[in-house]
Amino acid sequence: MKVPEKWKAVRMPPNMDAKTDSGTLFRDSAFSENTVTIQSQFEVRKPVIPAQEYKAFKALWDSYTMADANTLVFQIEDPSVRKHEP
């Protein structure tokens, strides 16, 4: 995603690389030259998750879907732009 000049990413989804017996999670987030790049992959490796693997798989899924892990926040670096004050 391209963003306007003078914008910077102050919060990006965290990079992740995790595996369980039932699934794999990978995410790579980067901001460079006014471009945000996010590559993400969640692989379910079993058609049925066994009960003994469910807790680890659910933790993996929750880390992938939680709101904080999917939030982008930008800030304008231009000093001529007035900041909002309550």
C-alpha atoms as a PDB file:
ATOM      1  CA  MET A   1       0.000   0.000   0.000  1.00  0.00           C
ATOM      2  CA  LYS A   2       1.385   3.419  -0.924  1.00  0.00           C
ATOM      3  CA  VAL A   3       0.920   6.254   1.546  1.00  0.00           C
ATOM      4  CA  PRO A   4       1.365  10.007   1.007  1.00  0.00           C
ATOM      5  CA  GLU A   5       4.765  11.591   1.467  1.00  0.00           C
ATOM      6  CA  LYS A   6       5.463  12.813   5.000  1.00  0.00           C
ATOM      7  CA  TRP A   7       3.393   9.993   6.473  1.00  0.00           C
ATOM      8  CA  LYS A   8       5.127   7.407   8.593  1.00  0.00           C
ATOM      9  CA  ALA A   9       3.908   4.158  10.060  1.00  0.00           C
ATOM     10  CA  VAL A  10       4.035   4.403  13.846  1.00  0.00           C
ATOM     11  CA  ARG A  11       2.344   1.067  14.438  1.00  0.00           C
ATOM     12  CA  MET A  12       2.434  -2.017  12.240  1.00  0.00           C
ATOM     13  CA  PRO A  13       1.209  -5.587  12.675  1.00  0.00           C
ATOM     14  CA  PRO A  14       3.988  -7.553  14.396  1.00  0.00           C
ATOM     15  CA  ASN A  15       6.112 -10.009  12.464  1.00  0.00           C
ATOM     16  CA  MET A  16       5.267 -13.592  13.380  1.00  0.00           C
ATOM     17  CA  ASP A  17       6.617 -17.021  12.580  1.00  0.00           C
ATOM     18  CA  ALA A  18       5.089 -19.820  14.631  1.00  0.00           C
ATOM     19  CA  LYS A  19       4.179 -23.466  14.196  1.00  0.00           C
ATOM     20  CA  THR A  20       2.130 -26.092  15.977  1.00  0.00           C
ATOM     21  CA  ASP A  21       1.478 -29.675  14.968  1.00  0.00           C
ATOM     22  CA  SER A  22      -1.794 -28.514  13.397  1.00  0.00           C
ATOM     23  CA  GLY A  23      -0.923 -25.151  11.846  1.00  0.00           C
ATOM     24  CA  THR A  24       1.635 -22.601  10.748  1.00  0.00           C
ATOM     25  CA  LEU A  25       1.541 -18.814  10.983  1.00  0.00           C
ATOM     26  CA  PHE A  26       3.788 -16.381   9.149  1.00  0.00           C
ATOM     27  CA  ARG A  27       3.542 -12.591   8.859  1.00  0.00           C
ATOM     28  CA  ASP A  28       6.113 -10.041   7.738  1.00  0.00           C
ATOM     29  CA  SER A  29       5.334  -6.301   7.946  1.00  0.00           C
ATOM     30  CA  ALA A  30       7.558  -3.563   6.543  1.00  0.00           C
ATOM     31  CA  PHE A  31       7.424   0.182   5.847  1.00  0.00           C
ATOM     32  CA  SER A  32       9.897   1.693   3.414  1.00  0.00           C
ATOM     33  CA  GLU A  33       9.811   4.581   0.954  1.00  0.00           C
ATOM     34  CA  ASN A  34       6.145   5.394   1.608  1.00  0.00           C
ATOM     35  CA  THR A  35       5.097   1.804   1.005  1.00  0.00           C
ATOM     36  CA  VAL A  36       3.546  -0.601   3.508  1.00  0.00           C
ATOM     37  CA  THR A  37       4.041  -4.270   2.708  1.00  0.00           C
ATOM     38  CA  ILE A  38       2.352  -7.010   4.712  1.00  0.00           C
ATOM     39  CA  GLN A  39       2.736 -10.652   3.786  1.00  0.00           C
ATOM     40  CA  SER A  40       0.653 -13.052   5.800  1.00  0.00           C
ATOM     41  CA  GLN A  41      -0.044 -16.769   5.698  1.00  0.00           C
ATOM     42  CA  PHE A  42      -1.996 -19.053   8.006  1.00  0.00           C
ATOM     43  CA  GLU A  43      -1.890 -22.733   7.120  1.00  0.00           C
ATOM     44  CA  VAL A  44      -4.090 -25.384   8.691  1.00  0.00           C
ATOM     45  CA  ARG A  45      -2.226 -28.668   8.270  1.00  0.00           C
ATOM     46  CA  LYS A  46      -4.894 -31.079   9.514  1.00  0.00           C
ATOM     47  CA  PRO A  47      -8.550 -31.369   8.476  1.00  0.00           C
ATOM     48  CA  VAL A  48      -9.510 -32.125  12.090  1.00  0.00           C
ATOM     49  CA  ILE A  49      -7.641 -30.651  15.058  1.00  0.00           C
ATOM     50  CA  PRO A  50      -7.183 -33.338  17.750  1.00  0.00           C
ATOM     51  CA  ALA A  51      -8.336 -32.350  21.240  1.00  0.00           C
ATOM     52  CA  GLN A  52      -4.790 -32.521  22.651  1.00  0.00           C
ATOM     53  CA  GLU A  53      -3.581 -30.018  19.991  1.00  0.00           C
ATOM     54  CA  TYR A  54      -6.557 -27.641  20.172  1.00  0.00           C
ATOM     55  CA  LYS A  55      -5.197 -25.320  22.890  1.00  0.00           C
ATOM     56  CA  ALA A  56      -1.937 -24.666  20.994  1.00  0.00           C
ATOM     57  CA  PHE A  57      -3.783 -24.255  17.687  1.00  0.00           C
ATOM     58  CA  LYS A  58      -6.299 -21.829  19.233  1.00  0.00           C
ATOM     59  CA  ALA A  59      -3.461 -19.736  20.697  1.00  0.00           C
ATOM     60  CA  LEU A  60      -1.869 -19.601  17.238  1.00  0.00           C
ATOM     61  CA  TRP A  61      -5.177 -18.542  15.645  1.00  0.00           C
ATOM     62  CA  ASP A  62      -5.853 -15.943  18.362  1.00  0.00           C
ATOM     63  CA  SER A  63      -2.413 -14.358  17.849  1.00  0.00           C
ATOM     64  CA  TYR A  64      -3.201 -14.109  14.128  1.00  0.00           C
ATOM     65  CA  THR A  65      -6.666 -12.582  14.493  1.00  0.00           C
ATOM     66  CA  MET A  66      -6.402 -10.302  17.538  1.00  0.00           C
ATOM     67  CA  ALA A  67      -7.118  -6.658  16.760  1.00  0.00           C
ATOM     68  CA  ASP A  68      -3.741  -5.386  18.004  1.00  0.00           C
ATOM     69  CA  ALA A  69      -1.977  -7.726  15.586  1.00  0.00           C
ATOM     70  CA  ASN A  70      -3.853  -6.258  12.623  1.00  0.00           C
ATOM     71  CA  THR A  71      -3.637  -2.525  13.321  1.00  0.00           C
ATOM     72  CA  LEU A  72      -1.850   0.065  11.188  1.00  0.00           C
ATOM     73  CA  VAL A  73      -1.388   3.590  12.568  1.00  0.00           C
ATOM     74  CA  PHE A  74       0.099   6.471  10.582  1.00  0.00           C
ATOM     75  CA  GLN A  75       1.367   9.877  11.645  1.00  0.00           C
ATOM     76  CA  ILE A  76       1.957  12.936   9.471  1.00  0.00           C
ATOM     77  CA  GLU A  77       5.491  14.269   9.831  1.00  0.00           C
ATOM     78  CA  ASP A  78       4.672  17.685   8.315  1.00  0.00           C
ATOM     79  CA  PRO A  79       5.135  20.410  10.989  1.00  0.00           C
ATOM     80  CA  SER A  80       2.834  22.753   9.033  1.00  0.00           C
ATOM     81  CA  VAL A  81      -0.119  20.475   9.813  1.00  0.00           C
ATOM     82  CA  ARG A  82      -1.788  21.546  13.039  1.00  0.00           C
ATOM     83  CA  LYS A  83      -2.152  18.878  15.656  1.00  0.00           C
ATOM     84  CA  HIS A  84      -5.591  18.338  17.107  1.00  0.00           C
ATOM     85  CA  GLU A  85      -5.769  19.220  20.763  1.00  0.00           C
ATOM     86  CA  PRO A  86      -8.796  18.351  22.880  1.00  0.00           C
END
